[in-house]
Amino acid sequence: MEIAEPNNAKELTAVDPSSAESKEAERQDRELKAGLHPLKQKFVFWYTRKTHGVRTQTSYEENIKKIAEFSTVEAFWVCYCHLARPASLPSPTDLHLFKEGIRPLWEDTANCNGGKWIIRFKKAVSGRFWEDLVLALVGDQLDYGDNINGVVLSIRHNEDLVSVWNRDASDQQVVMALRDAIKRHLKLPHSYVMEYKPHDASLRDKSSYRNTWLRG
């Protein structure tokens, strides 16, 4: 059976030159021609010096500072080598690594329906696990990586927390599969417990790490 081609078929199948996919392809082509090693996508490092008191969206956004962006292996290492190590960061601060176009905010359109997996580390080991996670995200080495928006290192007084933000908290199968992928890649000891919290719950109780769901 032959299906008639609609009059606007060319419009439906034409590639929009301004589309995100087209721009990414052009960017990677330019970087390859320049002898660089392009990443799958661009990333941005952000830094937040936490302030005490009630969290409001305005006050939190004012504290978030974009410190670097990169889209090639070479640019990543230049950036990463100049970042302060976790052990030297004051408490409380957050270091965020997110895909370009996504702000490290619960309210961002890419985050608002998602949540985060949280792992609590002793300060002596947090830097190693953070680096492993950063390299996995940048190198696209994690299963279900397309569902990940970014990762966060939170420096606190008695412990450090690493969180992985995903875009859809309602898909329980993917959420749990992502947990397993993180555990597998980081080779987490069995003694570590991972906790999950949807961002809408964080918005309700104005807290990142309280009232989490313990999921082993």
N, C-alpha and C. Protein backbone atom coordinates (compact mmCIF):
# COMPACT_ATOMS: atom_id res chain seq x y z
N MET A 1 0.84 -1.19 0.00
CA MET A 1 0.00 0.00 0.00
C MET A 1 0.87 1.23 0.00
N GLU A 2 0.64 2.12 -0.94
CA GLU A 2 1.46 3.32 -1.06
C GLU A 2 0.83 4.45 -0.25
N ILE A 3 1.65 5.12 0.53
CA ILE A 3 1.16 6.24 1.33
C ILE A 3 1.52 7.53 0.62
N ALA A 4 0.52 8.34 0.39
CA ALA A 4 0.74 9.60 -0.32
C ALA A 4 1.58 10.54 0.54
N GLU A 5 2.50 11.22 -0.09
CA GLU A 5 3.35 12.18 0.60
C GLU A 5 2.59 13.48 0.80
N PRO A 6 2.51 14.00 2.03
CA PRO A 6 1.81 15.25 2.25
C PRO A 6 2.52 16.40 1.56
N ASN A 7 1.76 17.45 1.30
CA ASN A 7 2.33 18.60 0.60
C ASN A 7 3.47 19.24 1.37
N ASN A 8 3.40 19.16 2.70
CA ASN A 8 4.42 19.82 3.51
C ASN A 8 5.49 18.84 4.00
N ALA A 9 5.66 17.72 3.27
CA ALA A 9 6.62 16.70 3.72
C ALA A 9 8.01 17.25 3.86
N LYS A 10 8.42 18.09 2.92
CA LYS A 10 9.77 18.64 3.00
C LYS A 10 9.95 19.49 4.25
N GLU A 11 8.89 20.22 4.61
CA GLU A 11 8.98 21.05 5.80
C GLU A 11 9.08 20.18 7.05
N LEU A 12 8.36 19.02 7.03
CA LEU A 12 8.35 18.16 8.20
C LEU A 12 9.69 17.45 8.38
N THR A 13 10.36 17.12 7.30
CA THR A 13 11.59 16.33 7.41
C THR A 13 12.85 17.18 7.35
N ALA A 14 12.72 18.43 6.99
CA ALA A 14 13.91 19.27 6.88
C ALA A 14 14.53 19.49 8.26
N VAL A 15 15.84 19.52 8.31
CA VAL A 15 16.55 19.75 9.56
C VAL A 15 16.64 21.25 9.82
N ASP A 16 16.17 21.66 10.95
CA ASP A 16 16.24 23.07 11.32
C ASP A 16 17.70 23.41 11.63
N PRO A 17 18.30 24.31 10.86
CA PRO A 17 19.72 24.62 11.08
C PRO A 17 19.99 25.24 12.44
N SER A 18 18.96 25.76 13.09
CA SER A 18 19.16 26.38 14.40
C SER A 18 18.86 25.41 15.53
N SER A 19 18.53 24.14 15.20
CA SER A 19 18.20 23.17 16.24
C SER A 19 19.43 22.88 17.10
N ALA A 20 19.15 22.40 18.31
CA ALA A 20 20.25 22.08 19.24
C ALA A 20 21.16 21.00 18.66
N GLU A 21 20.55 19.99 18.01
CA GLU A 21 21.36 18.91 17.44
C GLU A 21 22.28 19.42 16.34
N SER A 22 21.75 20.31 15.50
CA SER A 22 22.54 20.86 14.42
C SER A 22 23.70 21.71 14.96
N LYS A 23 23.40 22.50 15.97
CA LYS A 23 24.45 23.34 16.56
C LYS A 23 25.54 22.50 17.19
N GLU A 24 25.13 21.42 17.87
CA GLU A 24 26.12 20.55 18.49
C GLU A 24 26.99 19.87 17.44
N ALA A 25 26.39 19.43 16.35
CA ALA A 25 27.16 18.80 15.28
C ALA A 25 28.15 19.78 14.67
N GLU A 26 27.73 21.01 14.46
CA GLU A 26 28.62 22.02 13.91
C GLU A 26 29.75 22.33 14.87
N ARG A 27 29.41 22.41 16.16
CA ARG A 27 30.43 22.68 17.16
C ARG A 27 31.48 21.57 17.19
N GLN A 28 31.05 20.31 17.19
CA GLN A 28 31.97 19.20 17.21
C GLN A 28 32.84 19.16 15.95
N ASP A 29 32.25 19.50 14.82
CA ASP A 29 33.00 19.52 13.56
C ASP A 29 34.10 20.58 13.60
N ARG A 30 33.76 21.74 14.12
CA ARG A 30 34.77 22.81 14.24
C ARG A 30 35.92 22.39 15.14
N GLU A 31 35.58 21.76 16.26
CA GLU A 31 36.62 21.37 17.21
C GLU A 31 37.50 20.25 16.66
N LEU A 32 36.90 19.34 15.93
CA LEU A 32 37.69 18.28 15.29
C LEU A 32 38.67 18.86 14.28
N LYS A 33 38.19 19.82 13.49
CA LYS A 33 39.06 20.45 12.50
C LYS A 33 40.19 21.23 13.15
N ALA A 34 39.96 21.67 14.39
CA ALA A 34 40.99 22.41 15.12
C ALA A 34 41.96 21.47 15.84
N GLY A 35 41.78 20.17 15.64
CA GLY A 35 42.67 19.20 16.25
C GLY A 35 42.35 18.90 17.70
N LEU A 36 41.12 19.25 18.15
CA LEU A 36 40.71 19.02 19.53
C LEU A 36 39.86 17.75 19.63
N HIS A 37 39.52 17.40 20.84
CA HIS A 37 38.70 16.22 21.09
C HIS A 37 37.37 16.66 21.69
N PRO A 38 36.34 16.81 20.86
CA PRO A 38 35.06 17.33 21.35
C PRO A 38 34.34 16.35 22.26
N LEU A 39 33.69 16.88 23.29
CA LEU A 39 32.83 16.08 24.14
C LEU A 39 31.46 15.95 23.49
N LYS A 40 30.66 15.03 24.02
CA LYS A 40 29.32 14.83 23.46
C LYS A 40 28.50 16.11 23.56
N GLN A 41 28.73 16.90 24.61
CA GLN A 41 28.02 18.16 24.77
C GLN A 41 28.83 19.11 25.65
N LYS A 42 28.37 20.34 25.74
CA LYS A 42 29.06 21.34 26.55
C LYS A 42 28.61 21.22 28.01
N PHE A 43 29.51 21.61 28.90
CA PHE A 43 29.23 21.59 30.33
C PHE A 43 29.62 22.92 30.96
N VAL A 44 29.05 23.17 32.14
CA VAL A 44 29.34 24.40 32.88
C VAL A 44 29.61 24.05 34.34
N PHE A 45 30.67 24.59 34.89
CA PHE A 45 30.93 24.51 36.33
C PHE A 45 30.34 25.75 36.99
N TRP A 46 29.62 25.54 38.11
CA TRP A 46 29.07 26.62 38.91
C TRP A 46 29.58 26.47 40.34
N TYR A 47 29.58 27.60 41.05
CA TYR A 47 30.04 27.61 42.45
C TYR A 47 29.03 28.38 43.29
N THR A 48 28.69 27.83 44.45
CA THR A 48 27.76 28.49 45.36
C THR A 48 28.34 28.55 46.76
N ARG A 49 28.43 29.74 47.29
CA ARG A 49 28.80 29.92 48.70
C ARG A 49 27.50 30.04 49.47
N LYS A 50 27.18 29.02 50.24
CA LYS A 50 25.89 28.97 50.93
C LYS A 50 25.79 30.06 52.00
N THR A 51 24.60 30.60 52.14
CA THR A 51 24.33 31.57 53.20
C THR A 51 23.30 30.98 54.15
N HIS A 52 23.41 31.36 55.39
CA HIS A 52 22.48 30.85 56.39
C HIS A 52 21.15 31.60 56.30
N GLY A 53 20.09 30.95 56.76
CA GLY A 53 18.78 31.57 56.72
C GLY A 53 17.85 30.84 55.78
N VAL A 54 16.66 31.37 55.61
CA VAL A 54 15.65 30.74 54.78
C VAL A 54 16.04 30.86 53.31
N ARG A 55 15.93 29.76 52.58
CA ARG A 55 16.28 29.76 51.17
C ARG A 55 15.12 30.34 50.36
N THR A 56 15.43 31.32 49.54
CA THR A 56 14.47 31.82 48.55
C THR A 56 15.11 31.68 47.18
N GLN A 57 14.28 31.58 46.15
CA GLN A 57 14.83 31.40 44.81
C GLN A 57 15.73 32.55 44.43
N THR A 58 15.32 33.78 44.78
CA THR A 58 16.10 34.96 44.42
C THR A 58 17.45 34.96 45.10
N SER A 59 17.47 34.72 46.41
CA SER A 59 18.73 34.75 47.14
C SER A 59 19.66 33.63 46.68
N TYR A 60 19.09 32.46 46.38
CA TYR A 60 19.92 31.34 45.95
C TYR A 60 20.52 31.61 44.57
N GLU A 61 19.73 32.12 43.65
CA GLU A 61 20.23 32.42 42.31
C GLU A 61 21.33 33.46 42.35
N GLU A 62 21.20 34.42 43.26
CA GLU A 62 22.22 35.47 43.36
C GLU A 62 23.56 34.91 43.82
N ASN A 63 23.53 33.80 44.57
CA ASN A 63 24.76 33.21 45.09
C ASN A 63 25.44 32.25 44.12
N ILE A 64 24.72 31.84 43.07
CA ILE A 64 25.30 30.91 42.10
C ILE A 64 26.17 31.66 41.10
N LYS A 65 27.40 31.25 40.97
CA LYS A 65 28.34 31.90 40.06
C LYS A 65 28.85 30.90 39.02
N LYS A 66 28.72 31.26 37.76
CA LYS A 66 29.30 30.44 36.70
C LYS A 66 30.80 30.67 36.68
N ILE A 67 31.59 29.62 36.80
CA ILE A 67 33.04 29.81 36.88
C ILE A 67 33.79 29.30 35.65
N ALA A 68 33.20 28.38 34.88
CA ALA A 68 33.89 27.90 33.69
C ALA A 68 32.93 27.09 32.84
N GLU A 69 33.20 27.06 31.53
CA GLU A 69 32.46 26.19 30.63
C GLU A 69 33.44 25.56 29.65
N PHE A 70 33.08 24.40 29.14
CA PHE A 70 34.01 23.69 28.25
C PHE A 70 33.22 22.71 27.39
N SER A 71 33.82 22.36 26.25
CA SER A 71 33.17 21.40 25.34
C SER A 71 34.17 20.43 24.72
N THR A 72 35.44 20.51 25.13
CA THR A 72 36.45 19.58 24.63
C THR A 72 37.21 18.96 25.80
N VAL A 73 37.87 17.85 25.53
CA VAL A 73 38.69 17.20 26.55
C VAL A 73 39.77 18.14 27.03
N GLU A 74 40.39 18.85 26.09
CA GLU A 74 41.49 19.75 26.43
C GLU A 74 41.02 20.88 27.35
N ALA A 75 39.88 21.48 27.01
CA ALA A 75 39.36 22.58 27.81
C ALA A 75 38.92 22.10 29.19
N PHE A 76 38.39 20.88 29.26
CA PHE A 76 38.01 20.34 30.56
C PHE A 76 39.20 20.27 31.49
N TRP A 77 40.33 19.71 30.99
CA TRP A 77 41.47 19.53 31.88
C TRP A 77 42.09 20.87 32.28
N VAL A 78 42.09 21.83 31.39
CA VAL A 78 42.57 23.18 31.75
C VAL A 78 41.72 23.73 32.89
N CYS A 79 40.42 23.58 32.75
CA CYS A 79 39.48 24.07 33.77
C CYS A 79 39.62 23.29 35.07
N TYR A 80 39.60 21.97 34.97
CA TYR A 80 39.58 21.14 36.17
C TYR A 80 40.86 21.28 36.99
N CYS A 81 41.98 21.42 36.31
CA CYS A 81 43.25 21.53 37.02
C CYS A 81 43.36 22.83 37.81
N HIS A 82 42.54 23.82 37.45
CA HIS A 82 42.58 25.10 38.17
C HIS A 82 41.51 25.20 39.25
N LEU A 83 40.63 24.20 39.34
CA LEU A 83 39.60 24.23 40.37
C LEU A 83 40.21 23.85 41.73
N ALA A 84 39.68 24.48 42.77
CA ALA A 84 40.11 24.13 44.12
C ALA A 84 39.68 22.71 44.44
N ARG A 85 40.53 21.98 45.15
CA ARG A 85 40.21 20.62 45.55
C ARG A 85 39.16 20.66 46.68
N PRO A 86 38.33 19.64 46.76
CA PRO A 86 37.28 19.63 47.79
C PRO A 86 37.80 19.88 49.19
N ALA A 87 38.97 19.35 49.52
CA ALA A 87 39.51 19.50 50.88
C ALA A 87 39.82 20.96 51.22
N SER A 88 40.00 21.80 50.20
CA SER A 88 40.36 23.20 50.45
C SER A 88 39.15 24.14 50.41
N LEU A 89 37.97 23.61 50.09
CA LEU A 89 36.78 24.46 49.99
C LEU A 89 36.18 24.70 51.36
N PRO A 90 35.73 25.92 51.64
CA PRO A 90 35.12 26.20 52.94
C PRO A 90 33.73 25.60 53.05
N SER A 91 33.28 25.44 54.27
CA SER A 91 31.93 24.93 54.52
C SER A 91 31.04 26.08 54.99
N PRO A 92 29.82 26.18 54.45
CA PRO A 92 29.20 25.31 53.44
C PRO A 92 29.30 25.92 52.04
N THR A 93 29.73 25.12 51.08
CA THR A 93 29.76 25.54 49.69
C THR A 93 29.31 24.38 48.81
N ASP A 94 28.88 24.72 47.59
CA ASP A 94 28.50 23.71 46.60
C ASP A 94 29.27 23.96 45.32
N LEU A 95 29.73 22.88 44.71
CA LEU A 95 30.34 22.93 43.38
C LEU A 95 29.46 22.11 42.46
N HIS A 96 29.01 22.73 41.37
CA HIS A 96 28.06 22.08 40.46
C HIS A 96 28.70 21.88 39.09
N LEU A 97 28.41 20.75 38.46
CA LEU A 97 28.77 20.52 37.07
C LEU A 97 27.49 20.10 36.34
N PHE A 98 27.04 20.97 35.42
CA PHE A 98 25.78 20.70 34.73
C PHE A 98 25.94 20.84 33.23
N LYS A 99 25.09 20.13 32.52
CA LYS A 99 25.06 20.26 31.07
C LYS A 99 24.66 21.68 30.70
N GLU A 100 25.23 22.18 29.61
CA GLU A 100 24.95 23.55 29.19
C GLU A 100 23.45 23.75 28.99
N GLY A 101 22.97 24.92 29.44
CA GLY A 101 21.56 25.24 29.29
C GLY A 101 20.71 24.83 30.47
N ILE A 102 21.30 24.13 31.45
CA ILE A 102 20.58 23.72 32.65
C ILE A 102 21.22 24.38 33.86
N ARG A 103 20.46 25.18 34.57
CA ARG A 103 20.97 25.82 35.77
C ARG A 103 20.82 24.87 36.97
N PRO A 104 21.73 24.93 37.93
CA PRO A 104 21.64 24.04 39.10
C PRO A 104 20.60 24.53 40.09
N LEU A 105 19.35 24.57 39.63
CA LEU A 105 18.24 25.04 40.44
C LEU A 105 17.10 24.03 40.36
N TRP A 106 16.42 23.79 41.48
CA TRP A 106 15.26 22.90 41.46
C TRP A 106 14.22 23.39 40.46
N GLU A 107 14.10 24.72 40.35
CA GLU A 107 13.04 25.31 39.55
C GLU A 107 13.31 25.32 38.06
N ASP A 108 14.54 25.02 37.65
CA ASP A 108 14.85 25.04 36.21
C ASP A 108 13.93 24.05 35.49
N THR A 109 13.53 24.43 34.27
CA THR A 109 12.56 23.60 33.54
C THR A 109 13.08 22.18 33.29
N ALA A 110 14.39 22.02 33.18
CA ALA A 110 14.96 20.69 32.95
C ALA A 110 15.02 19.86 34.25
N ASN A 111 14.94 20.55 35.40
CA ASN A 111 15.07 19.87 36.69
C ASN A 111 13.76 19.69 37.44
N CYS A 112 12.77 20.52 37.15
CA CYS A 112 11.59 20.63 38.03
C CYS A 112 10.82 19.32 38.18
N ASN A 113 10.89 18.43 37.21
CA ASN A 113 10.20 17.15 37.32
C ASN A 113 11.12 16.01 37.76
N GLY A 114 12.35 16.37 38.11
CA GLY A 114 13.33 15.35 38.45
C GLY A 114 13.63 15.27 39.93
N GLY A 115 14.79 14.73 40.23
CA GLY A 115 15.22 14.59 41.62
C GLY A 115 16.71 14.30 41.65
N LYS A 116 17.17 13.81 42.78
CA LYS A 116 18.61 13.55 42.88
C LYS A 116 18.90 12.37 43.79
N TRP A 117 19.92 11.61 43.38
CA TRP A 117 20.49 10.59 44.24
C TRP A 117 21.59 11.24 45.08
N ILE A 118 21.65 10.90 46.34
CA ILE A 118 22.57 11.53 47.28
C ILE A 118 23.43 10.46 47.94
N ILE A 119 24.72 10.75 48.03
CA ILE A 119 25.66 9.87 48.73
C ILE A 119 26.45 10.72 49.71
N ARG A 120 26.51 10.28 50.96
CA ARG A 120 27.24 11.01 52.00
C ARG A 120 28.62 10.37 52.18
N PHE A 121 29.65 11.22 52.17
CA PHE A 121 31.02 10.73 52.26
C PHE A 121 31.76 11.38 53.43
N LYS A 122 32.68 10.61 53.99
CA LYS A 122 33.63 11.21 54.92
C LYS A 122 34.55 12.13 54.13
N LYS A 123 35.01 13.19 54.75
CA LYS A 123 35.79 14.18 54.03
C LYS A 123 37.08 13.63 53.45
N ALA A 124 37.61 12.61 54.06
CA ALA A 124 38.88 12.06 53.59
C ALA A 124 38.76 11.40 52.22
N VAL A 125 37.56 10.97 51.83
CA VAL A 125 37.41 10.22 50.58
C VAL A 125 36.52 10.92 49.56
N SER A 126 35.87 12.01 49.93
CA SER A 126 34.89 12.63 49.04
C SER A 126 35.52 13.11 47.73
N GLY A 127 36.75 13.63 47.80
CA GLY A 127 37.40 14.16 46.61
C GLY A 127 37.59 13.12 45.53
N ARG A 128 37.95 11.91 45.94
CA ARG A 128 38.19 10.83 44.97
C ARG A 128 36.89 10.43 44.27
N PHE A 129 35.83 10.26 45.05
CA PHE A 129 34.56 9.86 44.45
C PHE A 129 33.98 10.97 43.59
N TRP A 130 34.15 12.22 44.01
CA TRP A 130 33.68 13.35 43.21
C TRP A 130 34.39 13.38 41.86
N GLU A 131 35.70 13.20 41.87
CA GLU A 131 36.45 13.23 40.63
C GLU A 131 36.02 12.08 39.71
N ASP A 132 35.82 10.90 40.26
CA ASP A 132 35.36 9.76 39.46
C ASP A 132 34.02 10.07 38.80
N LEU A 133 33.13 10.71 39.54
CA LEU A 133 31.80 11.01 39.02
C LEU A 133 31.88 12.10 37.94
N VAL A 134 32.70 13.11 38.15
CA VAL A 134 32.87 14.16 37.16
C VAL A 134 33.40 13.58 35.85
N LEU A 135 34.42 12.74 35.94
CA LEU A 135 34.99 12.14 34.73
C LEU A 135 33.98 11.25 34.02
N ALA A 136 33.15 10.55 34.80
CA ALA A 136 32.14 9.69 34.19
C ALA A 136 31.10 10.50 33.45
N LEU A 137 30.68 11.64 34.02
CA LEU A 137 29.67 12.47 33.37
C LEU A 137 30.23 13.13 32.11
N VAL A 138 31.40 13.71 32.23
CA VAL A 138 32.02 14.39 31.09
C VAL A 138 32.33 13.41 29.97
N GLY A 139 32.78 12.23 30.33
CA GLY A 139 33.15 11.22 29.34
C GLY A 139 31.99 10.37 28.88
N ASP A 140 30.77 10.66 29.34
CA ASP A 140 29.57 9.93 28.93
C ASP A 140 29.74 8.43 29.21
N GLN A 141 30.20 8.11 30.41
CA GLN A 141 30.50 6.73 30.77
C GLN A 141 29.41 6.07 31.63
N LEU A 142 28.44 6.86 32.08
CA LEU A 142 27.41 6.31 32.95
C LEU A 142 26.21 5.82 32.15
N ASP A 143 25.72 4.65 32.48
CA ASP A 143 24.47 4.20 31.90
C ASP A 143 23.36 5.17 32.29
N TYR A 144 22.42 5.38 31.39
CA TYR A 144 21.32 6.33 31.59
C TYR A 144 21.84 7.76 31.73
N GLY A 145 22.98 8.03 31.10
CA GLY A 145 23.58 9.36 31.18
C GLY A 145 22.70 10.44 30.57
N ASP A 146 21.87 10.08 29.60
CA ASP A 146 20.99 11.07 28.99
C ASP A 146 19.94 11.57 29.98
N ASN A 147 19.70 10.80 31.04
CA ASN A 147 18.73 11.20 32.06
C ASN A 147 19.36 12.05 33.16
N ILE A 148 20.68 12.21 33.10
CA ILE A 148 21.40 12.99 34.11
C ILE A 148 21.54 14.44 33.65
N ASN A 149 21.19 15.38 34.51
CA ASN A 149 21.34 16.81 34.19
C ASN A 149 22.64 17.38 34.74
N GLY A 150 23.10 16.85 35.86
CA GLY A 150 24.32 17.39 36.45
C GLY A 150 24.65 16.67 37.75
N VAL A 151 25.80 17.05 38.32
CA VAL A 151 26.24 16.49 39.59
C VAL A 151 26.68 17.63 40.50
N VAL A 152 26.55 17.42 41.80
CA VAL A 152 26.85 18.47 42.77
C VAL A 152 27.69 17.90 43.90
N LEU A 153 28.70 18.66 44.30
CA LEU A 153 29.48 18.36 45.50
C LEU A 153 29.12 19.41 46.55
N SER A 154 28.62 18.96 47.69
CA SER A 154 28.23 19.86 48.77
C SER A 154 29.17 19.68 49.95
N ILE A 155 29.93 20.72 50.24
CA ILE A 155 30.88 20.69 51.35
C ILE A 155 30.16 21.13 52.62
N ARG A 156 30.13 20.26 53.62
CA ARG A 156 29.48 20.59 54.88
C ARG A 156 30.47 20.37 56.03
N HIS A 157 30.06 20.73 57.24
CA HIS A 157 30.99 20.76 58.36
C HIS A 157 31.54 19.38 58.70
N ASN A 158 30.66 18.39 58.82
CA ASN A 158 31.10 17.07 59.27
C ASN A 158 31.20 16.03 58.18
N GLU A 159 30.68 16.36 56.99
CA GLU A 159 30.68 15.41 55.89
C GLU A 159 30.54 16.16 54.57
N ASP A 160 30.80 15.47 53.49
CA ASP A 160 30.55 16.02 52.15
C ASP A 160 29.49 15.15 51.49
N LEU A 161 28.69 15.78 50.64
CA LEU A 161 27.64 15.04 49.95
C LEU A 161 27.80 15.20 48.45
N VAL A 162 27.65 14.11 47.73
CA VAL A 162 27.68 14.12 46.27
C VAL A 162 26.29 13.74 45.80
N SER A 163 25.74 14.52 44.89
CA SER A 163 24.40 14.21 44.38
C SER A 163 24.40 14.21 42.86
N VAL A 164 23.58 13.33 42.31
CA VAL A 164 23.41 13.19 40.87
C VAL A 164 21.97 13.58 40.54
N TRP A 165 21.80 14.64 39.76
CA TRP A 165 20.48 15.14 39.42
C TRP A 165 19.98 14.49 38.14
N ASN A 166 18.78 13.91 38.20
CA ASN A 166 18.19 13.33 36.99
C ASN A 166 16.92 14.08 36.62
N ARG A 167 16.46 13.91 35.39
CA ARG A 167 15.41 14.79 34.86
C ARG A 167 13.99 14.29 35.10
N ASP A 168 13.82 13.01 35.51
CA ASP A 168 12.46 12.48 35.65
C ASP A 168 12.37 11.61 36.89
N ALA A 169 11.73 12.15 37.94
CA ALA A 169 11.59 11.40 39.19
C ALA A 169 10.45 10.41 39.15
N SER A 170 9.57 10.52 38.15
CA SER A 170 8.38 9.67 38.10
C SER A 170 8.66 8.29 37.49
N ASP A 171 9.74 8.18 36.73
CA ASP A 171 10.08 6.90 36.10
C ASP A 171 10.92 6.08 37.07
N GLN A 172 10.23 5.31 37.92
CA GLN A 172 10.92 4.59 38.98
C GLN A 172 11.93 3.58 38.46
N GLN A 173 11.64 2.97 37.32
CA GLN A 173 12.56 1.98 36.77
C GLN A 173 13.90 2.62 36.39
N VAL A 174 13.83 3.78 35.73
CA VAL A 174 15.05 4.48 35.35
C VAL A 174 15.77 5.04 36.57
N VAL A 175 15.01 5.54 37.54
CA VAL A 175 15.60 6.09 38.76
C VAL A 175 16.42 5.02 39.47
N MET A 176 15.86 3.83 39.60
CA MET A 176 16.57 2.76 40.29
C MET A 176 17.73 2.22 39.46
N ALA A 177 17.55 2.17 38.15
CA ALA A 177 18.64 1.73 37.27
C ALA A 177 19.80 2.71 37.32
N LEU A 178 19.49 4.00 37.44
CA LEU A 178 20.54 5.01 37.56
C LEU A 178 21.30 4.83 38.87
N ARG A 179 20.58 4.54 39.94
CA ARG A 179 21.24 4.25 41.22
C ARG A 179 22.25 3.11 41.05
N ASP A 180 21.82 2.04 40.41
CA ASP A 180 22.70 0.89 40.23
C ASP A 180 23.91 1.24 39.36
N ALA A 181 23.68 2.09 38.35
CA ALA A 181 24.79 2.50 37.47
C ALA A 181 25.82 3.32 38.24
N ILE A 182 25.35 4.20 39.12
CA ILE A 182 26.25 5.03 39.93
C ILE A 182 27.06 4.14 40.88
N LYS A 183 26.36 3.24 41.56
CA LYS A 183 27.05 2.33 42.48
C LYS A 183 28.12 1.50 41.76
N ARG A 184 27.74 1.02 40.59
CA ARG A 184 28.64 0.16 39.82
C ARG A 184 29.87 0.94 39.37
N HIS A 185 29.66 2.15 38.84
CA HIS A 185 30.78 2.91 38.31
C HIS A 185 31.73 3.38 39.41
N LEU A 186 31.16 3.82 40.54
CA LEU A 186 32.00 4.31 41.63
C LEU A 186 32.55 3.20 42.50
N LYS A 187 32.06 1.97 42.25
CA LYS A 187 32.48 0.82 43.07
C LYS A 187 32.24 1.12 44.55
N LEU A 188 31.04 1.58 44.85
CA LEU A 188 30.71 1.95 46.22
C LEU A 188 30.71 0.74 47.14
N PRO A 189 31.35 0.85 48.29
CA PRO A 189 31.27 -0.24 49.27
C PRO A 189 29.83 -0.45 49.72
N HIS A 190 29.51 -1.66 50.15
CA HIS A 190 28.14 -1.98 50.55
C HIS A 190 27.68 -1.14 51.73
N SER A 191 28.62 -0.60 52.50
CA SER A 191 28.24 0.18 53.68
C SER A 191 27.64 1.53 53.33
N TYR A 192 27.79 1.98 52.07
CA TYR A 192 27.25 3.27 51.67
C TYR A 192 25.77 3.15 51.31
N VAL A 193 24.98 4.04 51.86
CA VAL A 193 23.55 4.08 51.58
C VAL A 193 23.25 5.26 50.66
N MET A 194 22.55 5.01 49.58
CA MET A 194 22.15 6.08 48.68
C MET A 194 20.72 6.51 48.98
N GLU A 195 20.48 7.81 48.97
CA GLU A 195 19.17 8.37 49.27
C GLU A 195 18.67 9.14 48.05
N TYR A 196 17.34 9.15 47.88
CA TYR A 196 16.76 9.87 46.74
C TYR A 196 15.76 10.90 47.25
N LYS A 197 15.72 12.05 46.55
CA LYS A 197 14.74 13.08 46.89
C LYS A 197 14.30 13.81 45.63
N PRO A 198 13.00 13.83 45.33
CA PRO A 198 12.50 14.60 44.18
C PRO A 198 12.65 16.09 44.46
N HIS A 199 12.86 16.86 43.41
CA HIS A 199 13.04 18.30 43.59
C HIS A 199 11.77 18.98 44.07
N ASP A 200 10.60 18.47 43.71
CA ASP A 200 9.38 19.11 44.19
C ASP A 200 9.25 18.97 45.71
N ALA A 201 9.80 17.87 46.26
CA ALA A 201 9.82 17.72 47.72
C ALA A 201 10.78 18.73 48.34
N SER A 202 11.91 18.97 47.67
CA SER A 202 12.86 19.98 48.16
C SER A 202 12.23 21.37 48.14
N LEU A 203 11.45 21.65 47.11
CA LEU A 203 10.78 22.94 47.02
C LEU A 203 9.77 23.11 48.15
N ARG A 204 9.11 22.02 48.52
CA ARG A 204 8.09 22.11 49.58
C ARG A 204 8.72 22.34 50.95
N ASP A 205 9.82 21.60 51.24
CA ASP A 205 10.39 21.75 52.58
C ASP A 205 11.65 22.62 52.61
N LYS A 206 11.96 23.23 51.45
CA LYS A 206 13.10 24.17 51.37
C LYS A 206 14.40 23.53 51.86
N SER A 207 14.60 22.27 51.52
CA SER A 207 15.78 21.55 51.97
C SER A 207 16.28 20.61 50.90
N SER A 208 17.59 20.55 50.76
CA SER A 208 18.19 19.65 49.77
C SER A 208 18.33 18.23 50.29
N TYR A 209 18.66 18.08 51.57
CA TYR A 209 19.08 16.77 52.05
C TYR A 209 18.28 16.23 53.22
N ARG A 210 17.31 16.97 53.73
CA ARG A 210 16.45 16.43 54.78
C ARG A 210 15.27 15.67 54.15
N ASN A 211 14.70 14.76 54.94
CA ASN A 211 13.49 14.02 54.52
C ASN A 211 13.67 13.28 53.20
N THR A 212 14.82 12.67 53.04
CA THR A 212 15.07 11.91 51.81
C THR A 212 14.45 10.53 51.91
N TRP A 213 14.36 9.87 50.75
CA TRP A 213 13.91 8.48 50.69
C TRP A 213 15.14 7.58 50.72
N LEU A 214 15.25 6.73 51.72
CA LEU A 214 16.38 5.82 51.80
C LEU A 214 16.12 4.63 50.87
N ARG A 215 17.05 4.37 49.98
CA ARG A 215 16.82 3.32 48.99
C ARG A 215 17.98 2.34 48.90
N GLY A 216 18.89 2.40 49.82
CA GLY A 216 19.94 1.41 49.86
C GLY A 216 21.05 1.59 48.85
